[in-house]
Amino acid sequence: FHFLDGEGVMVVGTEEVEVAAGATVVVPTGV
């Protein structure tokens, strides 16, 4: 997931990560 604009929160497994334009999150299969 590559964030292009804005701000938000991404939930991955049991973690919450703040994301904004420029951030990239990689998630493994099944998570």
PDB file of all heavy atoms in Angstrom:
ATOM      1  N   PHE A   1       0.863  -1.163   0.000  1.00  0.00           N
ATOM      2  CA  PHE A   1       0.000   0.000   0.000  1.00  0.00           C
ATOM      3  C   PHE A   1       0.909   1.224   0.000  1.00  0.00           C
ATOM      4  O   PHE A   1       1.696   1.405   0.935  1.00  0.00           O
ATOM      5  CB  PHE A   1      -0.880   0.004   1.258  1.00  0.00           C
ATOM      6  CG  PHE A   1      -1.744  -1.221   1.368  1.00  0.00           C
ATOM      7  CD1 PHE A   1      -1.241  -2.383   1.936  1.00  0.00           C
ATOM      8  CD2 PHE A   1      -3.035  -1.225   0.876  1.00  0.00           C
ATOM      9  CE1 PHE A   1      -2.017  -3.523   2.040  1.00  0.00           C
ATOM     10  CE2 PHE A   1      -3.820  -2.368   0.972  1.00  0.00           C
ATOM     11  CZ  PHE A   1      -3.316  -3.512   1.546  1.00  0.00           C
ATOM     12  N   HIS A   2       0.810   2.039  -1.059  1.00  0.00           N
ATOM     13  CA  HIS A   2       1.621   3.253  -1.142  1.00  0.00           C
ATOM     14  C   HIS A   2       0.673   4.442  -1.056  1.00  0.00           C
ATOM     15  O   HIS A   2      -0.217   4.597  -1.896  1.00  0.00           O
ATOM     16  CB  HIS A   2       2.444   3.294  -2.427  1.00  0.00           C
ATOM     17  CG  HIS A   2       3.305   4.512  -2.499  1.00  0.00           C
ATOM     18  ND1 HIS A   2       4.406   4.676  -1.690  1.00  0.00           N
ATOM     19  CD2 HIS A   2       3.198   5.632  -3.235  1.00  0.00           C
ATOM     20  CE1 HIS A   2       4.950   5.858  -1.950  1.00  0.00           C
ATOM     21  NE2 HIS A   2       4.227   6.450  -2.874  1.00  0.00           N
ATOM     22  N   PHE A   3       0.871   5.277  -0.045  1.00  0.00           N
ATOM     23  CA  PHE A   3      -0.021   6.387   0.222  1.00  0.00           C
ATOM     24  C   PHE A   3       0.436   7.611  -0.565  1.00  0.00           C
ATOM     25  O   PHE A   3       1.575   8.039  -0.474  1.00  0.00           O
ATOM     26  CB  PHE A   3      -0.083   6.639   1.734  1.00  0.00           C
ATOM     27  CG  PHE A   3      -0.742   5.484   2.437  1.00  0.00           C
ATOM     28  CD1 PHE A   3       0.005   4.382   2.833  1.00  0.00           C
ATOM     29  CD2 PHE A   3      -2.107   5.460   2.614  1.00  0.00           C
ATOM     30  CE1 PHE A   3      -0.603   3.289   3.432  1.00  0.00           C
ATOM     31  CE2 PHE A   3      -2.730   4.377   3.205  1.00  0.00           C
ATOM     32  CZ  PHE A   3      -1.979   3.280   3.610  1.00  0.00           C
ATOM     33  N   LEU A   4      -0.509   8.137  -1.352  1.00  0.00           N
ATOM     34  CA  LEU A   4      -0.207   9.228  -2.282  1.00  0.00           C
ATOM     35  C   LEU A   4      -0.594  10.597  -1.745  1.00  0.00           C
ATOM     36  O   LEU A   4       0.013  11.602  -2.111  1.00  0.00           O
ATOM     37  CB  LEU A   4      -0.930   8.989  -3.611  1.00  0.00           C
ATOM     38  CG  LEU A   4      -0.570   7.690  -4.320  1.00  0.00           C
ATOM     39  CD1 LEU A   4      -1.519   7.433  -5.477  1.00  0.00           C
ATOM     40  CD2 LEU A   4       0.868   7.738  -4.802  1.00  0.00           C
ATOM     41  N   ASP A   5      -1.649  10.646  -0.900  1.00  0.00           N
ATOM     42  CA  ASP A   5      -2.138  11.924  -0.425  1.00  0.00           C
ATOM     43  C   ASP A   5      -2.916  11.707   0.870  1.00  0.00           C
ATOM     44  O   ASP A   5      -3.577  10.677   1.033  1.00  0.00           O
ATOM     45  CB  ASP A   5      -3.057  12.558  -1.477  1.00  0.00           C
ATOM     46  CG  ASP A   5      -3.364  14.018  -1.207  1.00  0.00           C
ATOM     47  OD1 ASP A   5      -2.473  14.741  -0.715  1.00  0.00           O
ATOM     48  OD2 ASP A   5      -4.504  14.445  -1.480  1.00  0.00           O
ATOM     49  N   GLY A   6      -2.835  12.660   1.775  1.00  0.00           N
ATOM     50  CA  GLY A   6      -3.634  12.627   2.988  1.00  0.00           C
ATOM     51  C   GLY A   6      -2.979  11.886   4.142  1.00  0.00           C
ATOM     52  O   GLY A   6      -1.795  11.553   4.101  1.00  0.00           O
ATOM     53  N   GLU A   7      -3.818  11.616   5.166  1.00  0.00           N
ATOM     54  CA  GLU A   7      -3.350  10.948   6.378  1.00  0.00           C
ATOM     55  C   GLU A   7      -4.393   9.949   6.848  1.00  0.00           C
ATOM     56  O   GLU A   7      -5.589  10.108   6.589  1.00  0.00           O
ATOM     57  CB  GLU A   7      -3.105  11.975   7.497  1.00  0.00           C
ATOM     58  CG  GLU A   7      -2.037  12.978   7.150  1.00  0.00           C
ATOM     59  CD  GLU A   7      -1.870  14.039   8.230  1.00  0.00           C
ATOM     60  OE1 GLU A   7      -2.762  14.202   9.095  1.00  0.00           O
ATOM     61  OE2 GLU A   7      -0.831  14.702   8.209  1.00  0.00           O
ATOM     62  N   GLY A   8      -3.909   8.932   7.568  1.00  0.00           N
ATOM     63  CA  GLY A   8      -4.824   7.933   8.089  1.00  0.00           C
ATOM     64  C   GLY A   8      -4.115   6.979   9.016  1.00  0.00           C
ATOM     65  O   GLY A   8      -2.975   7.208   9.433  1.00  0.00           O
ATOM     66  N   VAL A   9      -4.816   5.906   9.330  1.00  0.00           N
ATOM     67  CA  VAL A   9      -4.290   4.858  10.197  1.00  0.00           C
ATOM     68  C   VAL A   9      -4.463   3.537   9.467  1.00  0.00           C
ATOM     69  O   VAL A   9      -5.547   3.240   8.952  1.00  0.00           O
ATOM     70  CB  VAL A   9      -5.039   4.821  11.547  1.00  0.00           C
ATOM     71  CG1 VAL A   9      -4.561   3.655  12.401  1.00  0.00           C
ATOM     72  CG2 VAL A   9      -4.864   6.142  12.284  1.00  0.00           C
ATOM     73  N   MET A  10      -3.406   2.754   9.424  1.00  0.00           N
ATOM     74  CA  MET A  10      -3.472   1.419   8.834  1.00  0.00           C
ATOM     75  C   MET A  10      -3.335   0.408   9.962  1.00  0.00           C
ATOM     76  O   MET A  10      -2.460   0.526  10.817  1.00  0.00           O
ATOM     77  CB  MET A  10      -2.377   1.217   7.800  1.00  0.00           C
ATOM     78  CG  MET A  10      -2.454  -0.134   7.148  1.00  0.00           C
ATOM     79  SD  MET A  10      -1.896  -0.105   5.454  1.00  0.00           S
ATOM     80  CE  MET A  10      -2.427  -1.741   4.982  1.00  0.00           C
ATOM     81  N   VAL A  11      -4.233  -0.572   9.955  1.00  0.00           N
ATOM     82  CA  VAL A  11      -4.171  -1.664  10.909  1.00  0.00           C
ATOM     83  C   VAL A  11      -3.538  -2.850  10.186  1.00  0.00           C
ATOM     84  O   VAL A  11      -3.993  -3.239   9.103  1.00  0.00           O
ATOM     85  CB  VAL A  11      -5.578  -2.049  11.417  1.00  0.00           C
ATOM     86  CG1 VAL A  11      -5.500  -3.245  12.345  1.00  0.00           C
ATOM     87  CG2 VAL A  11      -6.234  -0.869  12.098  1.00  0.00           C
ATOM     88  N   VAL A  12      -2.485  -3.401  10.772  1.00  0.00           N
ATOM     89  CA  VAL A  12      -1.810  -4.578  10.222  1.00  0.00           C
ATOM     90  C   VAL A  12      -1.658  -5.560  11.378  1.00  0.00           C
ATOM     91  O   VAL A  12      -0.931  -5.283  12.337  1.00  0.00           O
ATOM     92  CB  VAL A  12      -0.434  -4.231   9.623  1.00  0.00           C
ATOM     93  CG1 VAL A  12       0.236  -5.488   9.079  1.00  0.00           C
ATOM     94  CG2 VAL A  12      -0.566  -3.176   8.525  1.00  0.00           C
ATOM     95  N   GLY A  13      -2.386  -6.676  11.286  1.00  0.00           N
ATOM     96  CA  GLY A  13      -2.402  -7.619  12.399  1.00  0.00           C
ATOM     97  C   GLY A  13      -3.002  -6.948  13.615  1.00  0.00           C
ATOM     98  O   GLY A  13      -4.123  -6.448  13.572  1.00  0.00           O
ATOM     99  N   THR A  14      -2.225  -6.852  14.692  1.00  0.00           N
ATOM    100  CA  THR A  14      -2.707  -6.208  15.916  1.00  0.00           C
ATOM    101  C   THR A  14      -2.137  -4.802  16.094  1.00  0.00           C
ATOM    102  O   THR A  14      -2.379  -4.159  17.109  1.00  0.00           O
ATOM    103  CB  THR A  14      -2.333  -7.061  17.142  1.00  0.00           C
ATOM    104  OG1 THR A  14      -0.905  -7.204  17.185  1.00  0.00           O
ATOM    105  CG2 THR A  14      -2.994  -8.429  17.092  1.00  0.00           C
ATOM    106  N   GLU A  15      -1.371  -4.329  15.108  1.00  0.00           N
ATOM    107  CA  GLU A  15      -0.730  -3.019  15.210  1.00  0.00           C
ATOM    108  C   GLU A  15      -1.482  -1.967  14.413  1.00  0.00           C
ATOM    109  O   GLU A  15      -2.030  -2.245  13.351  1.00  0.00           O
ATOM    110  CB  GLU A  15       0.703  -3.080  14.680  1.00  0.00           C
ATOM    111  CG  GLU A  15       1.627  -3.949  15.494  1.00  0.00           C
ATOM    112  CD  GLU A  15       3.049  -3.881  14.980  1.00  0.00           C
ATOM    113  OE1 GLU A  15       3.572  -2.752  14.835  1.00  0.00           O
ATOM    114  OE2 GLU A  15       3.612  -4.943  14.709  1.00  0.00           O
ATOM    115  N   GLU A  16      -1.475  -0.733  14.919  1.00  0.00           N
ATOM    116  CA  GLU A  16      -1.986   0.420  14.195  1.00  0.00           C
ATOM    117  C   GLU A  16      -0.807   1.320  13.863  1.00  0.00           C
ATOM    118  O   GLU A  16       0.011   1.620  14.740  1.00  0.00           O
ATOM    119  CB  GLU A  16      -3.012   1.191  15.014  1.00  0.00           C
ATOM    120  CG  GLU A  16      -4.332   0.477  15.139  1.00  0.00           C
ATOM    121  CD  GLU A  16      -5.448   1.380  15.656  1.00  0.00           C
ATOM    122  OE1 GLU A  16      -5.209   2.594  15.883  1.00  0.00           O
ATOM    123  OE2 GLU A  16      -6.559   0.871  15.828  1.00  0.00           O
ATOM    124  N   VAL A  17      -0.731   1.745  12.613  1.00  0.00           N
ATOM    125  CA  VAL A  17       0.375   2.573  12.150  1.00  0.00           C
ATOM    126  C   VAL A  17      -0.201   3.824  11.494  1.00  0.00           C
ATOM    127  O   VAL A  17      -1.068   3.722  10.627  1.00  0.00           O
ATOM    128  CB  VAL A  17       1.229   1.805  11.113  1.00  0.00           C
ATOM    129  CG1 VAL A  17       2.372   2.663  10.612  1.00  0.00           C
ATOM    130  CG2 VAL A  17       1.732   0.504  11.679  1.00  0.00           C
ATOM    131  N   GLU A  18       0.272   5.002  11.912  1.00  0.00           N
ATOM    132  CA  GLU A  18      -0.142   6.231  11.247  1.00  0.00           C
ATOM    133  C   GLU A  18       0.550   6.291   9.898  1.00  0.00           C
ATOM    134  O   GLU A  18       1.747   5.990   9.781  1.00  0.00           O
ATOM    135  CB  GLU A  18       0.218   7.443  12.099  1.00  0.00           C
ATOM    136  CG  GLU A  18      -0.627   7.533  13.346  1.00  0.00           C
ATOM    137  CD  GLU A  18      -0.418   8.827  14.111  1.00  0.00           C
ATOM    138  OE1 GLU A  18       0.091   9.807  13.525  1.00  0.00           O
ATOM    139  OE2 GLU A  18      -0.767   8.843  15.297  1.00  0.00           O
ATOM    140  N   VAL A  19      -0.221   6.660   8.861  1.00  0.00           N
ATOM    141  CA  VAL A  19       0.318   6.757   7.513  1.00  0.00           C
ATOM    142  C   VAL A  19      -0.010   8.129   6.930  1.00  0.00           C
ATOM    143  O   VAL A  19      -0.985   8.761   7.323  1.00  0.00           O
ATOM    144  CB  VAL A  19      -0.233   5.645   6.587  1.00  0.00           C
ATOM    145  CG1 VAL A  19       0.280   4.280   7.015  1.00  0.00           C
ATOM    146  CG2 VAL A  19      -1.756   5.659   6.548  1.00  0.00           C
ATOM    147  N   ALA A  20       0.840   8.560   6.013  1.00  0.00           N
ATOM    148  CA  ALA A  20       0.646   9.834   5.316  1.00  0.00           C
ATOM    149  C   ALA A  20       1.278   9.709   3.942  1.00  0.00           C
ATOM    150  O   ALA A  20       1.967   8.725   3.647  1.00  0.00           O
ATOM    151  CB  ALA A  20       1.278  10.974   6.113  1.00  0.00           C
ATOM    152  N   ALA A  21       1.052  10.716   3.105  1.00  0.00           N
ATOM    153  CA  ALA A  21       1.609  10.716   1.754  1.00  0.00           C
ATOM    154  C   ALA A  21       3.093  10.386   1.803  1.00  0.00           C
ATOM    155  O   ALA A  21       3.843  10.944   2.597  1.00  0.00           O
ATOM    156  CB  ALA A  21       1.392  12.075   1.099  1.00  0.00           C
ATOM    157  N   GLY A  22       3.497   9.426   0.977  1.00  0.00           N
ATOM    158  CA  GLY A  22       4.887   8.992   0.904  1.00  0.00           C
ATOM    159  C   GLY A  22       5.152   7.679   1.616  1.00  0.00           C
ATOM    160  O   GLY A  22       6.151   7.024   1.339  1.00  0.00           O
ATOM    161  N   ALA A  23       4.270   7.279   2.538  1.00  0.00           N
ATOM    162  CA  ALA A  23       4.468   6.029   3.281  1.00  0.00           C
ATOM    163  C   ALA A  23       4.117   4.820   2.417  1.00  0.00           C
ATOM    164  O   ALA A  23       3.209   4.883   1.588  1.00  0.00           O
ATOM    165  CB  ALA A  23       3.608   6.014   4.538  1.00  0.00           C
ATOM    166  N   THR A  24       4.826   3.724   2.636  1.00  0.00           N
ATOM    167  CA  THR A  24       4.537   2.447   1.986  1.00  0.00           C
ATOM    168  C   THR A  24       4.484   1.375   3.066  1.00  0.00           C
ATOM    169  O   THR A  24       5.359   1.324   3.927  1.00  0.00           O
ATOM    170  CB  THR A  24       5.614   2.085   0.945  1.00  0.00           C
ATOM    171  OG1 THR A  24       5.682   3.121  -0.045  1.00  0.00           O
ATOM    172  CG2 THR A  24       5.310   0.764   0.275  1.00  0.00           C
ATOM    173  N   VAL A  25       3.444   0.536   3.000  1.00  0.00           N
ATOM    174  CA  VAL A  25       3.276  -0.555   3.957  1.00  0.00           C
ATOM    175  C   VAL A  25       3.169  -1.851   3.162  1.00  0.00           C
ATOM    176  O   VAL A  25       2.396  -1.924   2.204  1.00  0.00           O
ATOM    177  CB  VAL A  25       2.002  -0.359   4.814  1.00  0.00           C
ATOM    178  CG1 VAL A  25       1.811  -1.532   5.767  1.00  0.00           C
ATOM    179  CG2 VAL A  25       2.066   0.965   5.582  1.00  0.00           C
ATOM    180  N   VAL A  26       3.939  -2.861   3.549  1.00  0.00           N
ATOM    181  CA  VAL A  26       3.899  -4.173   2.909  1.00  0.00           C
ATOM    182  C   VAL A  26       3.346  -5.170   3.927  1.00  0.00           C
ATOM    183  O   VAL A  26       3.818  -5.212   5.067  1.00  0.00           O
ATOM    184  CB  VAL A  26       5.302  -4.601   2.422  1.00  0.00           C
ATOM    185  CG1 VAL A  26       5.251  -5.986   1.802  1.00  0.00           C
ATOM    186  CG2 VAL A  26       5.846  -3.587   1.422  1.00  0.00           C
ATOM    187  N   VAL A  27       2.351  -5.958   3.493  1.00  0.00           N
ATOM    188  CA  VAL A  27       1.666  -6.893   4.385  1.00  0.00           C
ATOM    189  C   VAL A  27       1.786  -8.305   3.818  1.00  0.00           C
ATOM    190  O   VAL A  27       1.468  -8.529   2.648  1.00  0.00           O
ATOM    191  CB  VAL A  27       0.176  -6.511   4.538  1.00  0.00           C
ATOM    192  CG1 VAL A  27      -0.518  -7.446   5.505  1.00  0.00           C
ATOM    193  CG2 VAL A  27       0.034  -5.065   4.982  1.00  0.00           C
ATOM    194  N   PRO A  28       2.229  -9.271   4.622  1.00  0.00           N
ATOM    195  CA  PRO A  28       2.338 -10.656   4.144  1.00  0.00           C
ATOM    196  C   PRO A  28       0.966 -11.314   3.951  1.00  0.00           C
ATOM    197  O   PRO A  28      -0.037 -10.882   4.518  1.00  0.00           O
ATOM    198  CB  PRO A  28       3.099 -11.375   5.264  1.00  0.00           C
ATOM    199  CG  PRO A  28       3.637 -10.320   6.156  1.00  0.00           C
ATOM    200  CD  PRO A  28       2.787  -9.110   5.968  1.00  0.00           C
ATOM    201  N   THR A  29       0.940 -12.382   3.196  1.00  0.00           N
ATOM    202  CA  THR A  29      -0.272 -13.159   2.952  1.00  0.00           C
ATOM    203  C   THR A  29      -0.916 -13.590   4.262  1.00  0.00           C
ATOM    204  O   THR A  29      -0.239 -14.036   5.188  1.00  0.00           O
ATOM    205  CB  THR A  29       0.073 -14.411   2.119  1.00  0.00           C
ATOM    206  OG1 THR A  29       0.563 -13.980   0.853  1.00  0.00           O
ATOM    207  CG2 THR A  29      -1.140 -15.305   1.916  1.00  0.00           C
ATOM    208  N   GLY A  30      -2.247 -13.439   4.326  1.00  0.00           N
ATOM    209  CA  GLY A  30      -3.016 -13.914   5.464  1.00  0.00           C
ATOM    210  C   GLY A  30      -3.086 -12.984   6.652  1.00  0.00           C
ATOM    211  O   GLY A  30      -3.912 -13.170   7.534  1.00  0.00           O
ATOM    212  N   VAL A  31      -2.214 -11.966   6.708  1.00  0.00           N
ATOM    213  CA  VAL A  31      -2.233 -11.035   7.827  1.00  0.00           C
ATOM    214  C   VAL A  31      -3.367 -10.034   7.597  1.00  0.00           C
ATOM    215  O   VAL A  31      -3.516  -9.473   6.516  1.00  0.00           O
ATOM    216  CB  VAL A  31      -0.880 -10.305   7.969  1.00  0.00           C
ATOM    217  CG1 VAL A  31      -0.941  -9.242   9.050  1.00  0.00           C
ATOM    218  CG2 VAL A  31       0.232 -11.306   8.258  1.00  0.00           C
TER     219      VAL A  31
END
